[in-house]
Amino acid sequence: MRFYLRKKARYRILARYLENSCNEKEKSIIEKRKIEDPRFAEEIEQMKLLWTSDHPGEELTTVDRMWQRFREKVDMHEKESRREEIPSPLFRNGRAVLRYAAIILAVIALPSVIYFYLRNDEDEHVQHGVPVVEYAEVNVPNGNRYSLTLSDGSRILLDAGSYLRYPKNFKNNRVIDLRGEAYFEVARDEDNPFIVRAGNAQIAVLGTTFNVRAWQETEYVKVSVEKGLVSLKPLDDSRIDPVMIEKNQFSTLTNSGHLSKPEHFEDENYRSWINNEIRFHKASVAEVLSQLKRWYGYDFVLEDQSILDEQITVHIVKTNVPDVLQIIARIIDTEIKQEGDTVYFMNE
């Protein structure tokens, strides 16, 4: 179930969640988002601490404005329908408590929470005479792929389990967010660079063809360029100069911020996933099993969790998955047992 509900419902759910008065369905919506987005989870917990505090914050103009807007969104002065009505003890002392809760929005600038709850309203208005960008999102289910063509003519192919957020109409804003793996064919626009934000990386191009691998279980973002020129740099560190990746080169940015020099590659293994084929070289067992889960829907159970950190080299194609599972079991000295879509790796 997606989290984007009717406007008033979104804010009511947030308020009820923060005061622990939401029902199980509403709680599951928030908890699912927290699992999918660690930053969102951390920010929600910080908001929750302030929400339940008994001490109001300073009287700041910025906070006043944000409190006013949030109060309007929660719609304190309008009764909810019987289906949605839940007693709200928090609102009996609403101004003091909610004002302090709002401080977190102004002081530590919670980006994902602010965007998550205020996005749709901003999309529908003109701010200071400038139209606000409307966004769309794609979550690709396991076992599937998804291709789309953006309004500027750029084409994207997303692998199973990937997530993409992009402007519905680029105009002067060709900035997208990626989690997972995608192959890009970017339409050239010298006045508006095409920017991909993936993990801790920012990838910028004018027009080119390239692949980005940015899975959460890996410790790096990898960019491989098929044609053109691509810039790669840390997203939040302006002190580090970007590397320029040319045709038939790749570069990586680790989670710790190390940016590798571009290296040449001889084959097109970087895009072999498009044909249900992938080669792992000294990859962690966790990374390999995660790929198998996304492609084929397997669930894996390991008696020894430390095995996930072991490194293996393996070649996976669509027709040899059972053989690959047996090979992995031998490499990590385990026995394998399969029951439906669940695969067990047991100590010998």
Protein backbone atom coordinates (compact mmCIF):
# COMPACT_ATOMS: atom_id res chain seq x y z
CA MET A 1 0.00 0.00 0.00
CA ARG A 2 1.46 3.38 -0.95
CA PHE A 3 1.76 6.10 1.64
CA TYR A 4 0.39 8.89 -0.52
CA LEU A 5 -3.17 9.29 0.74
CA ARG A 6 -5.62 12.17 0.70
CA LYS A 7 -3.97 15.36 1.95
CA LYS A 8 -5.81 15.70 5.26
CA ALA A 9 -5.47 11.99 5.92
CA ARG A 10 -1.68 12.15 5.56
CA TYR A 11 -1.27 14.77 8.26
CA ARG A 12 -3.76 13.14 10.59
CA ILE A 13 -1.90 9.84 10.31
CA LEU A 14 1.38 11.59 11.12
CA ALA A 15 -0.11 13.27 14.19
CA ARG A 16 -1.70 10.07 15.45
CA TYR A 17 1.50 8.09 14.87
CA LEU A 18 3.60 10.57 16.83
CA GLU A 19 1.21 10.42 19.78
CA ASN A 20 0.81 6.60 19.59
CA SER A 21 -2.92 6.76 18.88
CA CYS A 22 -2.99 5.47 15.29
CA ASN A 23 -4.65 2.20 14.35
CA GLU A 24 -2.75 -0.85 13.07
CA LYS A 25 -3.34 -0.01 9.40
CA GLU A 26 -2.00 3.53 9.81
CA LYS A 27 0.95 2.27 11.85
CA SER A 28 1.83 -0.27 9.16
CA ILE A 29 1.94 2.50 6.53
CA ILE A 30 4.49 4.51 8.53
CA GLU A 31 6.50 1.45 9.57
CA LYS A 32 6.75 0.23 5.97
CA ARG A 33 8.13 3.59 4.90
CA LYS A 34 10.62 3.52 7.81
CA ILE A 35 11.92 0.13 6.65
CA GLU A 36 12.29 1.35 3.08
CA ASP A 37 13.99 4.64 3.98
CA PRO A 38 16.47 4.65 6.94
CA ARG A 39 16.75 8.45 6.85
CA PHE A 40 13.00 8.79 7.13
CA ALA A 41 13.01 6.35 10.07
CA GLU A 42 15.67 8.32 11.94
CA GLU A 43 13.90 11.63 11.39
CA ILE A 44 10.53 10.27 12.50
CA GLU A 45 12.07 9.05 15.76
CA GLN A 46 13.60 12.48 16.36
CA MET A 47 10.25 14.12 15.74
CA LYS A 48 8.61 11.65 18.10
CA LEU A 49 10.98 12.60 20.93
CA LEU A 50 10.16 16.27 20.61
CA TRP A 51 6.47 15.63 20.01
CA THR A 52 6.12 13.93 23.37
CA SER A 53 8.21 16.47 25.28
CA ASP A 54 6.58 18.62 27.98
CA HIS A 55 8.78 21.64 27.36
CA PRO A 56 7.97 24.07 24.56
CA GLY A 57 10.73 25.50 22.45
CA GLU A 58 11.78 29.04 21.75
CA GLU A 59 9.38 31.48 20.15
CA LEU A 60 10.94 31.66 16.72
CA THR A 61 9.27 33.23 13.75
CA THR A 62 10.22 30.34 11.49
CA VAL A 63 8.83 27.84 13.96
CA ASP A 64 5.64 29.88 14.30
CA ARG A 65 5.10 29.66 10.57
CA MET A 66 5.81 25.96 10.41
CA TRP A 67 3.60 25.30 13.43
CA GLN A 68 0.78 27.21 11.80
CA ARG A 69 1.07 25.24 8.61
CA PHE A 70 1.34 21.91 10.35
CA ARG A 71 -1.66 22.72 12.54
CA GLU A 72 -3.68 23.54 9.44
CA LYS A 73 -2.64 20.26 7.83
CA VAL A 74 -3.70 18.21 10.83
CA ASP A 75 -6.99 20.14 10.65
CA MET A 76 -7.47 20.49 14.39
CA HIS A 77 -10.62 22.58 14.08
CA GLU A 78 -12.47 20.19 11.79
CA LYS A 79 -14.04 16.95 12.99
CA GLU A 80 -12.98 13.78 11.27
CA SER A 81 -15.41 11.24 9.96
CA ARG A 82 -16.52 8.45 12.28
CA ARG A 83 -14.26 6.04 10.47
CA GLU A 84 -11.16 8.16 11.09
CA GLU A 85 -12.04 9.58 14.51
CA ILE A 86 -9.54 8.68 17.24
CA PRO A 87 -9.34 10.41 20.67
CA SER A 88 -6.36 12.75 20.73
CA PRO A 89 -5.14 13.66 24.23
CA LEU A 90 -2.20 15.49 22.68
CA PHE A 91 -4.44 18.21 21.27
CA ARG A 92 -5.66 19.21 24.73
CA ASN A 93 -2.31 20.96 25.16
CA GLY A 94 -1.74 21.24 21.48
CA ARG A 95 -0.03 24.58 21.03
CA ALA A 96 2.75 24.02 23.56
CA VAL A 97 3.55 20.47 22.50
CA LEU A 98 3.08 20.84 18.77
CA ARG A 99 5.08 24.07 18.69
CA TYR A 100 8.02 22.23 20.24
CA ALA A 101 7.57 19.34 17.83
CA ALA A 102 7.65 21.79 14.94
CA ILE A 103 11.06 23.07 16.04
CA ILE A 104 12.68 19.95 14.67
CA LEU A 105 11.49 20.94 11.20
CA ALA A 106 13.13 24.34 11.41
CA VAL A 107 16.30 23.54 13.38
CA ILE A 108 17.55 20.23 12.03
CA ALA A 109 15.74 20.49 8.67
CA LEU A 110 14.31 17.02 8.25
CA PRO A 111 14.32 16.75 4.46
CA SER A 112 12.49 13.48 3.87
CA VAL A 113 9.77 14.15 6.45
CA ILE A 114 9.16 17.67 5.18
CA TYR A 115 9.06 16.50 1.57
CA PHE A 116 6.95 13.48 2.39
CA TYR A 117 4.14 15.37 4.06
CA LEU A 118 4.23 18.71 2.29
CA ARG A 119 5.08 17.62 -1.24
CA ASN A 120 1.65 17.36 -2.81
CA ASP A 121 0.49 20.77 -1.57
CA GLU A 122 3.62 22.41 -2.91
CA ASP A 123 3.19 20.63 -6.22
CA GLU A 124 -0.22 22.20 -6.69
CA HIS A 125 0.73 25.84 -6.09
CA VAL A 126 2.87 28.54 -7.61
CA GLN A 127 5.47 29.90 -5.21
CA HIS A 128 6.78 33.43 -5.80
CA GLY A 129 5.47 33.29 -9.36
CA VAL A 130 7.40 30.10 -10.21
CA PRO A 131 5.56 26.79 -10.84
CA VAL A 132 6.58 24.08 -8.38
CA VAL A 133 7.88 20.84 -9.89
CA GLU A 134 5.56 17.82 -9.73
CA TYR A 135 7.20 14.46 -9.06
CA ALA A 136 6.40 10.87 -9.89
CA GLU A 137 7.80 7.71 -8.30
CA VAL A 138 8.42 4.18 -9.52
CA ASN A 139 8.93 1.14 -7.28
CA VAL A 140 9.79 -1.93 -9.36
CA PRO A 141 8.59 -5.23 -7.83
CA ASN A 142 10.97 -8.16 -7.51
CA GLY A 143 11.01 -10.30 -10.62
CA ASN A 144 10.15 -7.38 -12.90
CA ARG A 145 11.83 -4.62 -14.88
CA TYR A 146 10.46 -1.25 -15.82
CA SER A 147 11.31 1.10 -18.67
CA LEU A 148 10.16 4.66 -19.11
CA THR A 149 10.77 7.69 -21.29
CA LEU A 150 10.97 11.04 -19.53
CA SER A 151 9.49 14.26 -20.87
CA ASP A 152 12.87 15.39 -22.25
CA GLY A 153 13.20 12.21 -24.29
CA SER A 154 15.65 10.46 -21.96
CA ARG A 155 15.07 6.72 -21.53
CA ILE A 156 15.62 4.67 -18.37
CA LEU A 157 15.53 0.92 -17.75
CA LEU A 158 15.16 -0.04 -14.08
CA ASP A 159 16.15 -3.41 -12.64
CA ALA A 160 13.95 -5.41 -10.28
CA GLY A 161 13.69 -3.93 -6.79
CA SER A 162 14.74 -0.44 -7.91
CA TYR A 163 13.18 2.90 -6.95
CA LEU A 164 13.10 6.09 -9.02
CA ARG A 165 11.78 9.57 -8.24
CA TYR A 166 11.69 12.06 -11.13
CA PRO A 167 10.03 15.32 -12.24
CA LYS A 168 6.98 14.74 -14.42
CA ASN A 169 8.07 17.65 -16.60
CA PHE A 170 11.77 18.43 -16.48
CA LYS A 171 11.77 21.99 -17.84
CA ASN A 172 14.81 23.46 -16.05
CA ASN A 173 15.10 20.70 -13.47
CA ARG A 174 16.54 17.42 -14.72
CA VAL A 175 17.27 15.92 -11.30
CA ILE A 176 16.23 12.40 -10.35
CA ASP A 177 16.76 10.09 -7.36
CA LEU A 178 17.69 6.43 -7.79
CA ARG A 179 17.93 3.51 -5.42
CA GLY A 180 18.95 0.27 -7.12
CA GLU A 181 20.25 -0.18 -10.67
CA ALA A 182 19.36 1.58 -13.91
CA TYR A 183 20.57 1.97 -17.48
CA PHE A 184 20.27 5.52 -18.87
CA GLU A 185 20.10 6.94 -22.38
CA VAL A 186 20.06 10.68 -21.71
CA ALA A 187 18.78 13.22 -24.24
CA ARG A 188 21.31 15.99 -24.74
CA ASP A 189 20.55 19.43 -23.28
CA GLU A 190 23.64 21.60 -22.84
CA ASP A 191 21.72 24.18 -20.81
CA ASN A 192 20.33 21.67 -18.29
CA PRO A 193 22.58 18.88 -17.02
CA PHE A 194 20.92 15.56 -16.21
CA ILE A 195 21.66 14.76 -12.56
CA VAL A 196 21.23 11.41 -10.82
CA ARG A 197 21.36 11.29 -7.02
CA ALA A 198 22.08 7.74 -5.88
CA GLY A 199 23.13 6.89 -2.33
CA ASN A 200 25.88 9.34 -1.39
CA ALA A 201 26.71 10.07 -5.05
CA GLN A 202 25.79 12.72 -7.57
CA ILE A 203 26.15 11.83 -11.24
CA ALA A 204 25.90 14.65 -13.82
CA VAL A 205 25.76 14.46 -17.63
CA LEU A 206 24.65 16.57 -20.58
CA GLY A 207 23.72 13.67 -22.82
CA THR A 208 25.16 10.16 -22.79
CA THR A 209 24.58 6.47 -22.14
CA PHE A 210 25.63 4.92 -18.84
CA ASN A 211 24.74 2.48 -16.06
CA VAL A 212 24.41 3.19 -12.33
CA ARG A 213 24.54 0.46 -9.69
CA ALA A 214 23.52 1.71 -6.24
CA TRP A 215 22.08 -1.04 -4.07
CA GLN A 216 21.71 -0.50 -0.34
CA GLU A 217 23.51 -3.75 0.56
CA THR A 218 26.64 -2.75 -1.38
CA GLU A 219 29.24 -0.39 0.00
CA TYR A 220 29.60 1.70 -3.13
CA VAL A 221 27.92 3.38 -6.09
CA LYS A 222 29.32 2.28 -9.44
CA VAL A 223 29.00 4.27 -12.66
CA SER A 224 29.91 2.68 -16.01
CA VAL A 225 29.90 4.82 -19.15
CA GLU A 226 29.03 3.39 -22.55
CA LYS A 227 29.05 6.65 -24.48
CA GLY A 228 29.78 10.31 -23.69
CA LEU A 229 31.19 11.87 -20.54
CA VAL A 230 29.91 11.53 -16.97
CA SER A 231 30.81 13.41 -13.78
CA LEU A 232 30.80 11.57 -10.44
CA LYS A 233 31.24 13.17 -7.03
CA PRO A 234 30.02 12.90 -3.43
CA LEU A 235 26.55 14.33 -2.98
CA ASP A 236 27.21 16.27 0.22
CA ASP A 237 30.93 17.06 0.11
CA SER A 238 31.89 20.03 -2.07
CA ARG A 239 35.54 19.72 -1.00
CA ILE A 240 36.08 16.72 -3.26
CA ASP A 241 36.50 17.38 -6.97
CA PRO A 242 34.45 15.18 -9.29
CA VAL A 243 36.02 12.55 -11.51
CA MET A 244 35.23 12.61 -15.21
CA ILE A 245 34.37 9.16 -16.59
CA GLU A 246 34.79 8.67 -20.32
CA LYS A 247 33.54 6.05 -22.77
CA ASN A 248 34.34 2.46 -21.72
CA GLN A 249 35.36 3.55 -18.22
CA PHE A 250 33.90 3.04 -14.76
CA SER A 251 34.41 4.61 -11.37
CA THR A 252 33.09 3.95 -7.87
CA LEU A 253 32.25 6.03 -4.82
CA THR A 254 32.30 4.12 -1.53
CA ASN A 255 30.01 4.78 1.41
CA SER A 256 33.01 6.19 3.26
CA GLY A 257 33.49 8.81 0.53
CA HIS A 258 36.43 7.32 -1.40
CA LEU A 259 36.20 8.23 -5.08
CA SER A 260 38.16 5.93 -7.39
CA LYS A 261 40.01 6.99 -10.51
CA PRO A 262 38.26 5.92 -13.72
CA GLU A 263 39.32 2.51 -15.05
CA HIS A 264 38.84 1.00 -18.49
CA PHE A 265 36.66 -2.07 -19.00
CA GLU A 266 36.91 -4.42 -21.97
CA ASP A 267 33.44 -6.00 -22.03
CA GLU A 268 29.87 -4.95 -21.38
CA ASN A 269 29.39 -6.91 -18.17
CA TYR A 270 28.10 -3.74 -16.50
CA ARG A 271 24.90 -3.99 -18.55
CA SER A 272 24.57 -7.78 -18.69
CA TRP A 273 21.81 -7.61 -16.05
CA ILE A 274 19.53 -6.42 -18.85
CA ASN A 275 19.82 -9.94 -20.31
CA ASN A 276 19.37 -11.72 -16.96
CA GLU A 277 23.08 -12.27 -16.59
CA ILE A 278 25.56 -10.92 -14.10
CA ARG A 279 29.11 -11.67 -13.03
CA PHE A 280 30.14 -11.10 -9.44
CA HIS A 281 33.86 -10.79 -8.74
CA LYS A 282 34.84 -10.96 -5.08
CA ALA A 283 31.37 -9.82 -4.05
CA SER A 284 29.85 -10.49 -0.64
CA VAL A 285 27.43 -13.38 -0.29
CA ALA A 286 24.87 -10.80 0.89
CA GLU A 287 25.15 -8.91 -2.41
CA VAL A 288 24.78 -12.05 -4.51
CA LEU A 289 21.79 -13.39 -2.56
CA SER A 290 20.11 -9.98 -2.68
CA GLN A 291 20.36 -10.02 -6.48
CA LEU A 292 18.85 -13.51 -6.63
CA LYS A 293 16.00 -12.39 -4.37
CA ARG A 294 15.23 -9.39 -6.60
CA TRP A 295 15.33 -11.39 -9.81
CA TYR A 296 13.68 -14.65 -8.79
CA GLY A 297 11.82 -13.93 -5.55
CA TYR A 298 13.81 -16.30 -3.35
CA ASP A 299 13.92 -15.92 0.41
CA PHE A 300 17.16 -17.05 2.01
CA VAL A 301 17.65 -18.41 5.52
CA LEU A 302 21.19 -18.83 6.86
CA GLU A 303 22.05 -20.55 10.12
CA ASP A 304 25.33 -18.62 10.28
CA GLN A 305 24.81 -14.93 9.48
CA SER A 306 28.56 -14.28 9.32
CA ILE A 307 28.54 -16.11 5.98
CA LEU A 308 26.92 -13.03 4.42
CA ASP A 309 30.25 -11.16 4.65
CA GLU A 310 32.26 -13.82 2.80
CA GLN A 311 33.38 -12.94 -0.72
CA ILE A 312 32.69 -15.11 -3.74
CA THR A 313 33.10 -14.98 -7.51
CA VAL A 314 30.17 -16.35 -9.48
CA HIS A 315 28.47 -16.02 -12.88
CA ILE A 316 24.66 -16.02 -12.85
CA VAL A 317 22.43 -16.52 -15.87
CA LYS A 318 18.71 -17.16 -15.94
CA THR A 319 19.05 -20.84 -16.85
CA ASN A 320 21.60 -21.87 -14.21
CA VAL A 321 20.10 -20.54 -10.96
CA PRO A 322 19.80 -23.98 -9.25
CA ASP A 323 23.42 -24.72 -10.17
CA VAL A 324 24.52 -21.33 -8.84
CA LEU A 325 22.83 -22.00 -5.51
CA GLN A 326 24.67 -25.32 -5.25
CA ILE A 327 27.96 -23.63 -6.14
CA ILE A 328 27.43 -20.95 -3.50
CA ALA A 329 26.67 -23.64 -0.91
CA ARG A 330 29.93 -25.45 -1.71
CA ILE A 331 31.98 -22.25 -1.65
CA ILE A 332 30.72 -21.26 1.80
CA ASP A 333 30.80 -24.86 3.14
CA THR A 334 27.09 -25.27 3.76
CA GLU A 335 24.33 -27.62 2.74
CA ILE A 336 21.37 -26.31 0.80
CA LYS A 337 17.70 -27.16 1.12
CA GLN A 338 14.91 -25.59 -0.91
CA GLU A 339 11.23 -25.49 0.03
CA GLY A 340 9.26 -23.58 -2.55
CA ASP A 341 10.77 -20.09 -2.82
CA THR A 342 12.66 -20.41 0.47
CA VAL A 343 16.28 -21.58 0.32
CA TYR A 344 18.04 -22.73 3.50
CA PHE A 345 21.82 -22.68 3.89
CA MET A 346 22.66 -25.02 6.78
CA ASN A 347 25.98 -25.72 8.43
CA GLU A 348 27.48 -29.03 7.45
